[in-house]
Amino acid sequence: MSSQPWTVAEARAKIQRTPGEANSEGPQKITKHGRTTAVVVAAEEWERKSEREFLASSPLQGSGLKIRRLPMCLRKVP
């Protein structure tokens, strides 16, 4: 997280540079009345974490299911 959280008012004033800071300095925490209300993260980091969470939340996780491809010949395309 950023070294110092921002209030909503500060975030409004800094909104144009926030994405750049999220890329260079890591996630930027925004607070309202002293409580964290939002976090701005770089898009690449968000996508990485979202993909991991999606795969980890699969109902097949830990089921022991084994998927095997059947051997088959490829067809010729004219």
N, C-alpha and C. Protein backbone atom coordinates (compact mmCIF):
# COMPACT_ATOMS: atom_id res chain seq x y z
N MET A 1 0.84 -1.19 0.00
CA MET A 1 0.00 0.00 0.00
C MET A 1 0.88 1.25 0.00
N SER A 2 0.26 2.36 -0.37
CA SER A 2 1.02 3.60 -0.35
C SER A 2 1.42 3.91 1.08
N SER A 3 2.49 4.67 1.23
CA SER A 3 2.98 4.95 2.57
C SER A 3 2.01 5.78 3.39
N GLN A 4 1.20 6.60 2.73
CA GLN A 4 0.26 7.44 3.46
C GLN A 4 -1.08 7.43 2.73
N PRO A 5 -2.15 7.01 3.40
CA PRO A 5 -3.47 7.02 2.75
C PRO A 5 -3.91 8.44 2.44
N TRP A 6 -4.77 8.56 1.46
CA TRP A 6 -5.32 9.86 1.08
C TRP A 6 -6.76 9.96 1.55
N THR A 7 -7.18 11.18 1.88
CA THR A 7 -8.61 11.39 2.14
C THR A 7 -9.30 11.50 0.78
N VAL A 8 -10.62 11.42 0.78
CA VAL A 8 -11.37 11.55 -0.47
C VAL A 8 -11.07 12.89 -1.13
N ALA A 9 -11.00 13.96 -0.33
CA ALA A 9 -10.71 15.29 -0.88
C ALA A 9 -9.33 15.31 -1.54
N GLU A 10 -8.34 14.70 -0.91
CA GLU A 10 -7.00 14.65 -1.50
C GLU A 10 -7.01 13.81 -2.78
N ALA A 11 -7.76 12.72 -2.77
CA ALA A 11 -7.83 11.86 -3.96
C ALA A 11 -8.44 12.63 -5.13
N ARG A 12 -9.48 13.43 -4.85
CA ARG A 12 -10.08 14.24 -5.93
C ARG A 12 -9.05 15.18 -6.52
N ALA A 13 -8.25 15.79 -5.68
CA ALA A 13 -7.24 16.73 -6.15
C ALA A 13 -6.12 16.03 -6.91
N LYS A 14 -5.84 14.77 -6.58
CA LYS A 14 -4.72 14.04 -7.17
C LYS A 14 -5.15 13.01 -8.23
N ILE A 15 -6.41 12.97 -8.58
CA ILE A 15 -6.93 11.87 -9.39
C ILE A 15 -6.18 11.68 -10.72
N GLN A 16 -5.70 12.74 -11.32
CA GLN A 16 -5.02 12.58 -12.61
C GLN A 16 -3.67 11.89 -12.47
N ARG A 17 -3.01 12.01 -11.34
CA ARG A 17 -1.71 11.36 -11.20
C ARG A 17 -1.80 10.02 -10.47
N THR A 18 -2.98 9.70 -9.94
CA THR A 18 -3.16 8.46 -9.18
C THR A 18 -2.80 7.21 -9.97
N PRO A 19 -3.27 7.04 -11.22
CA PRO A 19 -2.91 5.81 -11.96
C PRO A 19 -1.40 5.66 -12.15
N GLY A 20 -0.72 6.75 -12.41
CA GLY A 20 0.73 6.69 -12.56
C GLY A 20 1.41 6.27 -11.27
N GLU A 21 0.94 6.79 -10.15
CA GLU A 21 1.52 6.42 -8.86
C GLU A 21 1.21 4.97 -8.53
N ALA A 22 0.04 4.49 -8.92
CA ALA A 22 -0.29 3.08 -8.69
C ALA A 22 0.66 2.19 -9.47
N ASN A 23 1.05 2.62 -10.67
CA ASN A 23 2.01 1.85 -11.47
C ASN A 23 3.41 1.90 -10.89
N SER A 24 3.85 3.08 -10.45
CA SER A 24 5.23 3.22 -10.01
C SER A 24 5.46 2.92 -8.53
N GLU A 25 4.47 3.22 -7.68
CA GLU A 25 4.66 3.08 -6.24
C GLU A 25 3.83 1.96 -5.61
N GLY A 26 2.94 1.36 -6.39
CA GLY A 26 2.08 0.32 -5.84
C GLY A 26 0.69 0.86 -5.52
N PRO A 27 -0.16 0.02 -4.95
CA PRO A 27 -1.55 0.41 -4.67
C PRO A 27 -1.64 1.69 -3.84
N GLN A 28 -2.64 2.52 -4.17
CA GLN A 28 -2.86 3.79 -3.48
C GLN A 28 -4.16 3.69 -2.69
N LYS A 29 -4.07 3.79 -1.36
CA LYS A 29 -5.23 3.66 -0.48
C LYS A 29 -5.92 5.01 -0.32
N ILE A 30 -7.25 5.03 -0.41
CA ILE A 30 -8.04 6.25 -0.24
C ILE A 30 -8.95 6.04 0.97
N THR A 31 -8.96 7.02 1.88
CA THR A 31 -9.76 6.90 3.10
C THR A 31 -10.86 7.96 3.15
N LYS A 32 -11.90 7.65 3.91
CA LYS A 32 -12.97 8.60 4.18
C LYS A 32 -13.30 8.46 5.65
N HIS A 33 -13.23 9.55 6.37
CA HIS A 33 -13.45 9.55 7.83
C HIS A 33 -12.53 8.55 8.51
N GLY A 34 -11.28 8.44 8.01
CA GLY A 34 -10.29 7.58 8.62
C GLY A 34 -10.39 6.09 8.28
N ARG A 35 -11.37 5.73 7.45
CA ARG A 35 -11.54 4.32 7.06
C ARG A 35 -11.25 4.16 5.58
N THR A 36 -10.58 3.08 5.22
CA THR A 36 -10.27 2.83 3.81
C THR A 36 -11.56 2.60 3.04
N THR A 37 -11.74 3.36 1.96
CA THR A 37 -12.94 3.22 1.14
C THR A 37 -12.63 2.70 -0.26
N ALA A 38 -11.39 2.88 -0.71
CA ALA A 38 -11.02 2.43 -2.05
C ALA A 38 -9.51 2.27 -2.14
N VAL A 39 -9.11 1.45 -3.11
CA VAL A 39 -7.68 1.27 -3.38
C VAL A 39 -7.51 1.31 -4.89
N VAL A 40 -6.59 2.14 -5.36
CA VAL A 40 -6.29 2.23 -6.79
C VAL A 40 -5.05 1.37 -7.03
N VAL A 41 -5.20 0.39 -7.93
CA VAL A 41 -4.07 -0.49 -8.26
C VAL A 41 -3.82 -0.44 -9.76
N ALA A 42 -2.61 -0.79 -10.16
CA ALA A 42 -2.27 -0.85 -11.58
C ALA A 42 -3.12 -1.92 -12.24
N ALA A 43 -3.50 -1.70 -13.49
CA ALA A 43 -4.36 -2.63 -14.21
C ALA A 43 -3.74 -4.02 -14.31
N GLU A 44 -2.43 -4.09 -14.56
CA GLU A 44 -1.77 -5.40 -14.67
C GLU A 44 -1.87 -6.18 -13.37
N GLU A 45 -1.68 -5.49 -12.25
CA GLU A 45 -1.78 -6.17 -10.95
C GLU A 45 -3.20 -6.66 -10.71
N TRP A 46 -4.19 -5.84 -11.04
CA TRP A 46 -5.59 -6.21 -10.86
C TRP A 46 -5.93 -7.46 -11.70
N GLU A 47 -5.48 -7.47 -12.95
CA GLU A 47 -5.76 -8.60 -13.82
C GLU A 47 -5.10 -9.88 -13.31
N ARG A 48 -3.86 -9.77 -12.84
CA ARG A 48 -3.16 -10.94 -12.27
C ARG A 48 -3.91 -11.50 -11.08
N LYS A 49 -4.30 -10.62 -10.16
CA LYS A 49 -5.00 -11.08 -8.96
C LYS A 49 -6.39 -11.60 -9.29
N SER A 50 -7.08 -10.96 -10.22
CA SER A 50 -8.42 -11.41 -10.59
C SER A 50 -8.36 -12.79 -11.22
N GLU A 51 -7.37 -13.04 -12.07
CA GLU A 51 -7.23 -14.34 -12.71
C GLU A 51 -6.96 -15.42 -11.68
N ARG A 52 -6.06 -15.16 -10.74
CA ARG A 52 -5.75 -16.14 -9.69
C ARG A 52 -6.99 -16.44 -8.86
N GLU A 53 -7.76 -15.39 -8.49
CA GLU A 53 -8.95 -15.60 -7.68
C GLU A 53 -9.99 -16.40 -8.46
N PHE A 54 -10.12 -16.13 -9.75
CA PHE A 54 -11.08 -16.86 -10.58
C PHE A 54 -10.72 -18.35 -10.59
N LEU A 55 -9.46 -18.65 -10.82
CA LEU A 55 -9.03 -20.04 -10.88
C LEU A 55 -9.13 -20.71 -9.50
N ALA A 56 -8.81 -19.98 -8.46
CA ALA A 56 -8.85 -20.54 -7.11
C ALA A 56 -10.28 -20.78 -6.64
N SER A 57 -11.24 -20.04 -7.17
CA SER A 57 -12.63 -20.19 -6.72
C SER A 57 -13.41 -21.21 -7.55
N SER A 58 -12.75 -21.93 -8.43
CA SER A 58 -13.42 -22.93 -9.25
C SER A 58 -14.05 -24.00 -8.36
N PRO A 59 -15.28 -24.42 -8.67
CA PRO A 59 -15.90 -25.49 -7.88
C PRO A 59 -15.18 -26.82 -8.06
N LEU A 60 -14.34 -26.94 -9.09
CA LEU A 60 -13.59 -28.17 -9.31
C LEU A 60 -12.26 -28.20 -8.57
N GLN A 61 -11.93 -27.08 -7.91
CA GLN A 61 -10.68 -27.00 -7.16
C GLN A 61 -10.64 -28.10 -6.11
N GLY A 62 -9.61 -28.92 -6.14
CA GLY A 62 -9.46 -29.97 -5.14
C GLY A 62 -10.35 -31.18 -5.34
N SER A 63 -11.05 -31.25 -6.48
CA SER A 63 -11.97 -32.36 -6.71
C SER A 63 -11.24 -33.63 -7.15
N GLY A 64 -9.99 -33.50 -7.56
CA GLY A 64 -9.25 -34.66 -8.03
C GLY A 64 -9.58 -35.03 -9.47
N LEU A 65 -10.36 -34.19 -10.13
CA LEU A 65 -10.75 -34.46 -11.52
C LEU A 65 -9.52 -34.44 -12.42
N LYS A 66 -9.37 -35.45 -13.23
CA LYS A 66 -8.27 -35.53 -14.19
C LYS A 66 -8.86 -35.44 -15.59
N ILE A 67 -8.36 -34.52 -16.36
CA ILE A 67 -8.84 -34.35 -17.74
C ILE A 67 -7.76 -34.86 -18.67
N ARG A 68 -8.15 -35.75 -19.56
CA ARG A 68 -7.21 -36.36 -20.48
C ARG A 68 -7.69 -36.13 -21.91
N ARG A 69 -6.81 -35.70 -22.76
CA ARG A 69 -7.16 -35.52 -24.18
C ARG A 69 -7.13 -36.87 -24.87
N LEU A 70 -8.10 -37.08 -25.72
CA LEU A 70 -8.12 -38.31 -26.50
C LEU A 70 -7.21 -38.14 -27.70
N PRO A 71 -6.41 -39.17 -27.99
CA PRO A 71 -5.55 -39.06 -29.17
C PRO A 71 -6.39 -39.15 -30.44
N MET A 72 -6.21 -38.22 -31.32
CA MET A 72 -6.95 -38.26 -32.57
C MET A 72 -6.12 -37.61 -33.67
N CYS A 73 -6.42 -37.99 -34.87
CA CYS A 73 -5.71 -37.44 -36.01
C CYS A 73 -6.30 -36.10 -36.38
N LEU A 74 -5.46 -35.20 -36.78
CA LEU A 74 -5.94 -33.89 -37.22
C LEU A 74 -6.49 -34.01 -38.62
N ARG A 75 -7.54 -33.29 -38.88
CA ARG A 75 -8.11 -33.35 -40.24
C ARG A 75 -7.41 -32.35 -41.13
N LYS A 76 -7.40 -32.64 -42.41
CA LYS A 76 -6.77 -31.74 -43.38
C LYS A 76 -7.79 -30.68 -43.77
N VAL A 77 -7.32 -29.47 -43.79
CA VAL A 77 -8.17 -28.34 -44.19
C VAL A 77 -7.80 -27.95 -45.60
N PRO A 78 -8.82 -27.92 -46.51
CA PRO A 78 -8.51 -27.58 -47.90
C PRO A 78 -8.07 -26.14 -48.08
